[in-house]
Amino acid sequence: MTPDDETIRITRGQGGEVEVSGRIDAVAREVLQRAGFLFLPALRGRVWIRLPFDLGRDWENRHATWAAGILSTARYRVHLDPGLRYTPPDKPDAPARPPTMTAQAPPSRPQRH
C-alpha cells in the first residue's frame, strides 16, 4: 500500500460536484457525514461520497474545508483541492458593548429579585 492509497482526497469533480475518495474508515465516515457528505451506492459495490448538489460553492467550500480540518486533526492524511479552501470574508470589527449593559434572564425563566 502506498501513502497515496491512504490519502483521503476531497476534490471538485468535472461536473462540479464535491466528492471524496480514498480509504474511509468508521471515524472518517462519521466526520464526513457530520460535514454533510452523502454516502450513495454506485456501480460494482462502491460507494460514491459527495456533498449535496445546488447548495452553492461557498457552502460546499465551508463544509469541505471543515471536514479536511477535522480529518487532519485526527491525523488522517488529507488532500483538499485548493479551489475548495474556504476563507471567511473580512468582517468589520464588532461594535463595543456599552458598559451599562447587563445580562438578563431568558424570557422563559422568571427574573430573580
C-alpha atoms as a PDB file:
ATOM      1  CA  MET A   1       0.000   0.000   0.000  1.00  0.00           C
ATOM      2  CA  THR A   2       1.426   3.384  -0.973  1.00  0.00           C
ATOM      3  CA  PRO A   3       0.942   6.566   1.081  1.00  0.00           C
ATOM      4  CA  ASP A   4      -1.279   7.868  -1.722  1.00  0.00           C
ATOM      5  CA  ASP A   5      -3.664   4.935  -1.117  1.00  0.00           C
ATOM      6  CA  GLU A   6      -4.133   6.138   2.450  1.00  0.00           C
ATOM      7  CA  THR A   7      -4.813   9.755   1.490  1.00  0.00           C
ATOM      8  CA  ILE A   8      -8.401  10.973   1.708  1.00  0.00           C
ATOM      9  CA  ARG A   9      -8.928  13.227  -1.296  1.00  0.00           C
ATOM     10  CA  ILE A  10     -11.634  15.922  -1.293  1.00  0.00           C
ATOM     11  CA  THR A  11     -11.983  17.260  -4.824  1.00  0.00           C
ATOM     12  CA  ARG A  12     -14.377  19.030  -7.165  1.00  0.00           C
ATOM     13  CA  GLY A  13     -15.316  16.638  -9.967  1.00  0.00           C
ATOM     14  CA  GLN A  14     -15.686  17.501 -13.639  1.00  0.00           C
ATOM     15  CA  GLY A  15     -19.423  18.015 -13.152  1.00  0.00           C
ATOM     16  CA  GLY A  16     -18.819  20.495 -10.332  1.00  0.00           C
ATOM     17  CA  GLU A  17     -19.708  18.082  -7.511  1.00  0.00           C
ATOM     18  CA  VAL A  18     -17.538  17.880  -4.396  1.00  0.00           C
ATOM     19  CA  GLU A  19     -16.566  14.276  -3.811  1.00  0.00           C
ATOM     20  CA  VAL A  20     -14.317  12.201  -1.576  1.00  0.00           C
ATOM     21  CA  SER A  21     -12.117   9.272  -2.487  1.00  0.00           C
ATOM     22  CA  GLY A  22      -9.636   7.178  -0.556  1.00  0.00           C
ATOM     23  CA  ARG A  23      -9.683   4.772   2.343  1.00  0.00           C
ATOM     24  CA  ILE A  24     -12.586   5.708   4.631  1.00  0.00           C
ATOM     25  CA  ASP A  25     -12.907   4.001   7.991  1.00  0.00           C
ATOM     26  CA  ALA A  26     -15.706   4.420  10.564  1.00  0.00           C
ATOM     27  CA  VAL A  27     -14.232   7.582  12.131  1.00  0.00           C
ATOM     28  CA  ALA A  28     -13.622   9.285   8.783  1.00  0.00           C
ATOM     29  CA  ARG A  29     -17.130   8.307   7.686  1.00  0.00           C
ATOM     30  CA  GLU A  30     -18.636   9.912  10.796  1.00  0.00           C
ATOM     31  CA  VAL A  31     -16.676  13.142  10.241  1.00  0.00           C
ATOM     32  CA  LEU A  32     -17.712  13.298   6.586  1.00  0.00           C
ATOM     33  CA  GLN A  33     -21.366  12.655   7.432  1.00  0.00           C
ATOM     34  CA  ARG A  34     -21.307  15.409  10.064  1.00  0.00           C
ATOM     35  CA  ALA A  35     -19.846  17.729   7.421  1.00  0.00           C
ATOM     36  CA  GLY A  36     -22.832  16.992   5.174  1.00  0.00           C
ATOM     37  CA  PHE A  37     -21.370  14.403   2.796  1.00  0.00           C
ATOM     38  CA  LEU A  38     -23.716  11.765   1.414  1.00  0.00           C
ATOM     39  CA  PHE A  39     -22.739   8.106   1.035  1.00  0.00           C
ATOM     40  CA  LEU A  40     -24.533   6.797  -2.055  1.00  0.00           C
ATOM     41  CA  PRO A  41     -24.339   3.353  -3.660  1.00  0.00           C
ATOM     42  CA  ALA A  42     -22.566   3.255  -7.002  1.00  0.00           C
ATOM     43  CA  LEU A  43     -21.724   0.594  -9.562  1.00  0.00           C
ATOM     44  CA  ARG A  44     -19.738  -2.508  -8.620  1.00  0.00           C
ATOM     45  CA  GLY A  45     -20.449  -2.220  -4.906  1.00  0.00           C
ATOM     46  CA  ARG A  46     -18.550   1.020  -4.492  1.00  0.00           C
ATOM     47  CA  VAL A  47     -19.844   3.993  -2.555  1.00  0.00           C
ATOM     48  CA  TRP A  48     -19.947   7.496  -4.015  1.00  0.00           C
ATOM     49  CA  ILE A  49     -19.217  10.090  -1.319  1.00  0.00           C
ATOM     50  CA  ARG A  50     -20.244  13.617  -2.213  1.00  0.00           C
ATOM     51  CA  LEU A  51     -21.841  16.801  -0.937  1.00  0.00           C
ATOM     52  CA  PRO A  52     -25.434  17.561  -1.984  1.00  0.00           C
ATOM     53  CA  PHE A  53     -25.844  19.471  -5.233  1.00  0.00           C
ATOM     54  CA  ASP A  54     -27.122  23.044  -5.605  1.00  0.00           C
ATOM     55  CA  LEU A  55     -26.152  24.444  -2.217  1.00  0.00           C
ATOM     56  CA  GLY A  56     -23.626  26.860  -3.672  1.00  0.00           C
ATOM     57  CA  ARG A  57     -19.854  26.895  -3.882  1.00  0.00           C
ATOM     58  CA  ASP A  58     -19.458  28.887  -0.675  1.00  0.00           C
ATOM     59  CA  TRP A  59     -21.425  26.258   1.297  1.00  0.00           C
ATOM     60  CA  GLU A  60     -19.515  23.425  -0.376  1.00  0.00           C
ATOM     61  CA  ASN A  61     -16.160  25.073   0.331  1.00  0.00           C
ATOM     62  CA  ARG A  62     -17.021  25.685   4.004  1.00  0.00           C
ATOM     63  CA  HIS A  63     -18.080  22.081   4.547  1.00  0.00           C
ATOM     64  CA  ALA A  64     -15.178  20.574   2.596  1.00  0.00           C
ATOM     65  CA  THR A  65     -12.658  22.753   4.460  1.00  0.00           C
ATOM     66  CA  TRP A  66     -14.223  21.866   7.823  1.00  0.00           C
ATOM     67  CA  ALA A  67     -14.112  18.131   7.031  1.00  0.00           C
ATOM     68  CA  ALA A  68     -10.485  18.341   5.868  1.00  0.00           C
ATOM     69  CA  GLY A  69      -9.512  20.223   9.015  1.00  0.00           C
ATOM     70  CA  ILE A  70     -11.150  17.731  11.374  1.00  0.00           C
ATOM     71  CA  LEU A  71      -9.711  14.750   9.494  1.00  0.00           C
ATOM     72  CA  SER A  72      -6.239  16.317   9.557  1.00  0.00           C
ATOM     73  CA  THR A  73      -6.559  16.983  13.275  1.00  0.00           C
ATOM     74  CA  ALA A  74      -7.461  13.307  13.726  1.00  0.00           C
ATOM     75  CA  ARG A  75      -4.151  12.539  11.935  1.00  0.00           C
ATOM     76  CA  TYR A  76      -5.589  11.362   8.626  1.00  0.00           C
ATOM     77  CA  ARG A  77      -3.608  12.190   5.523  1.00  0.00           C
ATOM     78  CA  VAL A  78      -5.928  14.570   3.625  1.00  0.00           C
ATOM     79  CA  HIS A  79      -5.677  16.343   0.280  1.00  0.00           C
ATOM     80  CA  LEU A  80      -8.131  19.229  -0.192  1.00  0.00           C
ATOM     81  CA  ASP A  81      -8.219  20.778  -3.655  1.00  0.00           C
ATOM     82  CA  PRO A  82      -7.004  24.392  -3.402  1.00  0.00           C
ATOM     83  CA  GLY A  83     -10.225  25.567  -5.094  1.00  0.00           C
ATOM     84  CA  LEU A  84     -12.235  24.163  -2.161  1.00  0.00           C
ATOM     85  CA  ARG A  85     -10.420  26.062   0.575  1.00  0.00           C
ATOM     86  CA  TYR A  86     -12.807  28.376   2.389  1.00  0.00           C
ATOM     87  CA  THR A  87     -11.568  31.734   3.546  1.00  0.00           C
ATOM     88  CA  PRO A  88     -14.083  33.723   5.569  1.00  0.00           C
ATOM     89  CA  PRO A  89     -14.939  37.167   4.224  1.00  0.00           C
ATOM     90  CA  ASP A  90     -13.430  40.132   6.009  1.00  0.00           C
ATOM     91  CA  LYS A  91     -15.837  41.423   8.629  1.00  0.00           C
ATOM     92  CA  PRO A  92     -15.713  44.845  10.188  1.00  0.00           C
ATOM     93  CA  ASP A  93     -14.927  44.839  13.896  1.00  0.00           C
ATOM     94  CA  ALA A  94     -17.989  44.362  16.043  1.00  0.00           C
ATOM     95  CA  PRO A  95     -19.082  47.492  17.882  1.00  0.00           C
ATOM     96  CA  ALA A  96     -18.017  47.612  21.504  1.00  0.00           C
ATOM     97  CA  ARG A  97     -20.716  46.742  24.004  1.00  0.00           C
ATOM     98  CA  PRO A  98     -21.741  49.692  26.156  1.00  0.00           C
ATOM     99  CA  PRO A  99     -20.536  49.287  29.739  1.00  0.00           C
ATOM    100  CA  THR A 100     -24.080  49.737  31.132  1.00  0.00           C
ATOM    101  CA  MET A 101     -25.435  46.517  29.587  1.00  0.00           C
ATOM    102  CA  THR A 102     -26.132  43.674  31.981  1.00  0.00           C
ATOM    103  CA  ALA A 103     -27.042  40.071  31.315  1.00  0.00           C
ATOM    104  CA  GLN A 104     -30.735  39.335  31.539  1.00  0.00           C
ATOM    105  CA  ALA A 105     -32.539  36.069  32.099  1.00  0.00           C
ATOM    106  CA  PRO A 106     -34.075  34.494  29.017  1.00  0.00           C
ATOM    107  CA  PRO A 107     -37.822  35.162  28.578  1.00  0.00           C
ATOM    108  CA  SER A 108     -38.711  31.615  29.657  1.00  0.00           C
ATOM    109  CA  ARG A 109     -37.062  31.976  33.065  1.00  0.00           C
ATOM    110  CA  PRO A 110     -38.502  34.263  35.751  1.00  0.00           C
ATOM    111  CA  GLN A 111     -36.289  37.100  36.874  1.00  0.00           C
ATOM    112  CA  ARG A 112     -34.675  36.971  40.293  1.00  0.00           C
ATOM    113  CA  HIS A 113     -35.421  39.767  42.714  1.00  0.00           C
END
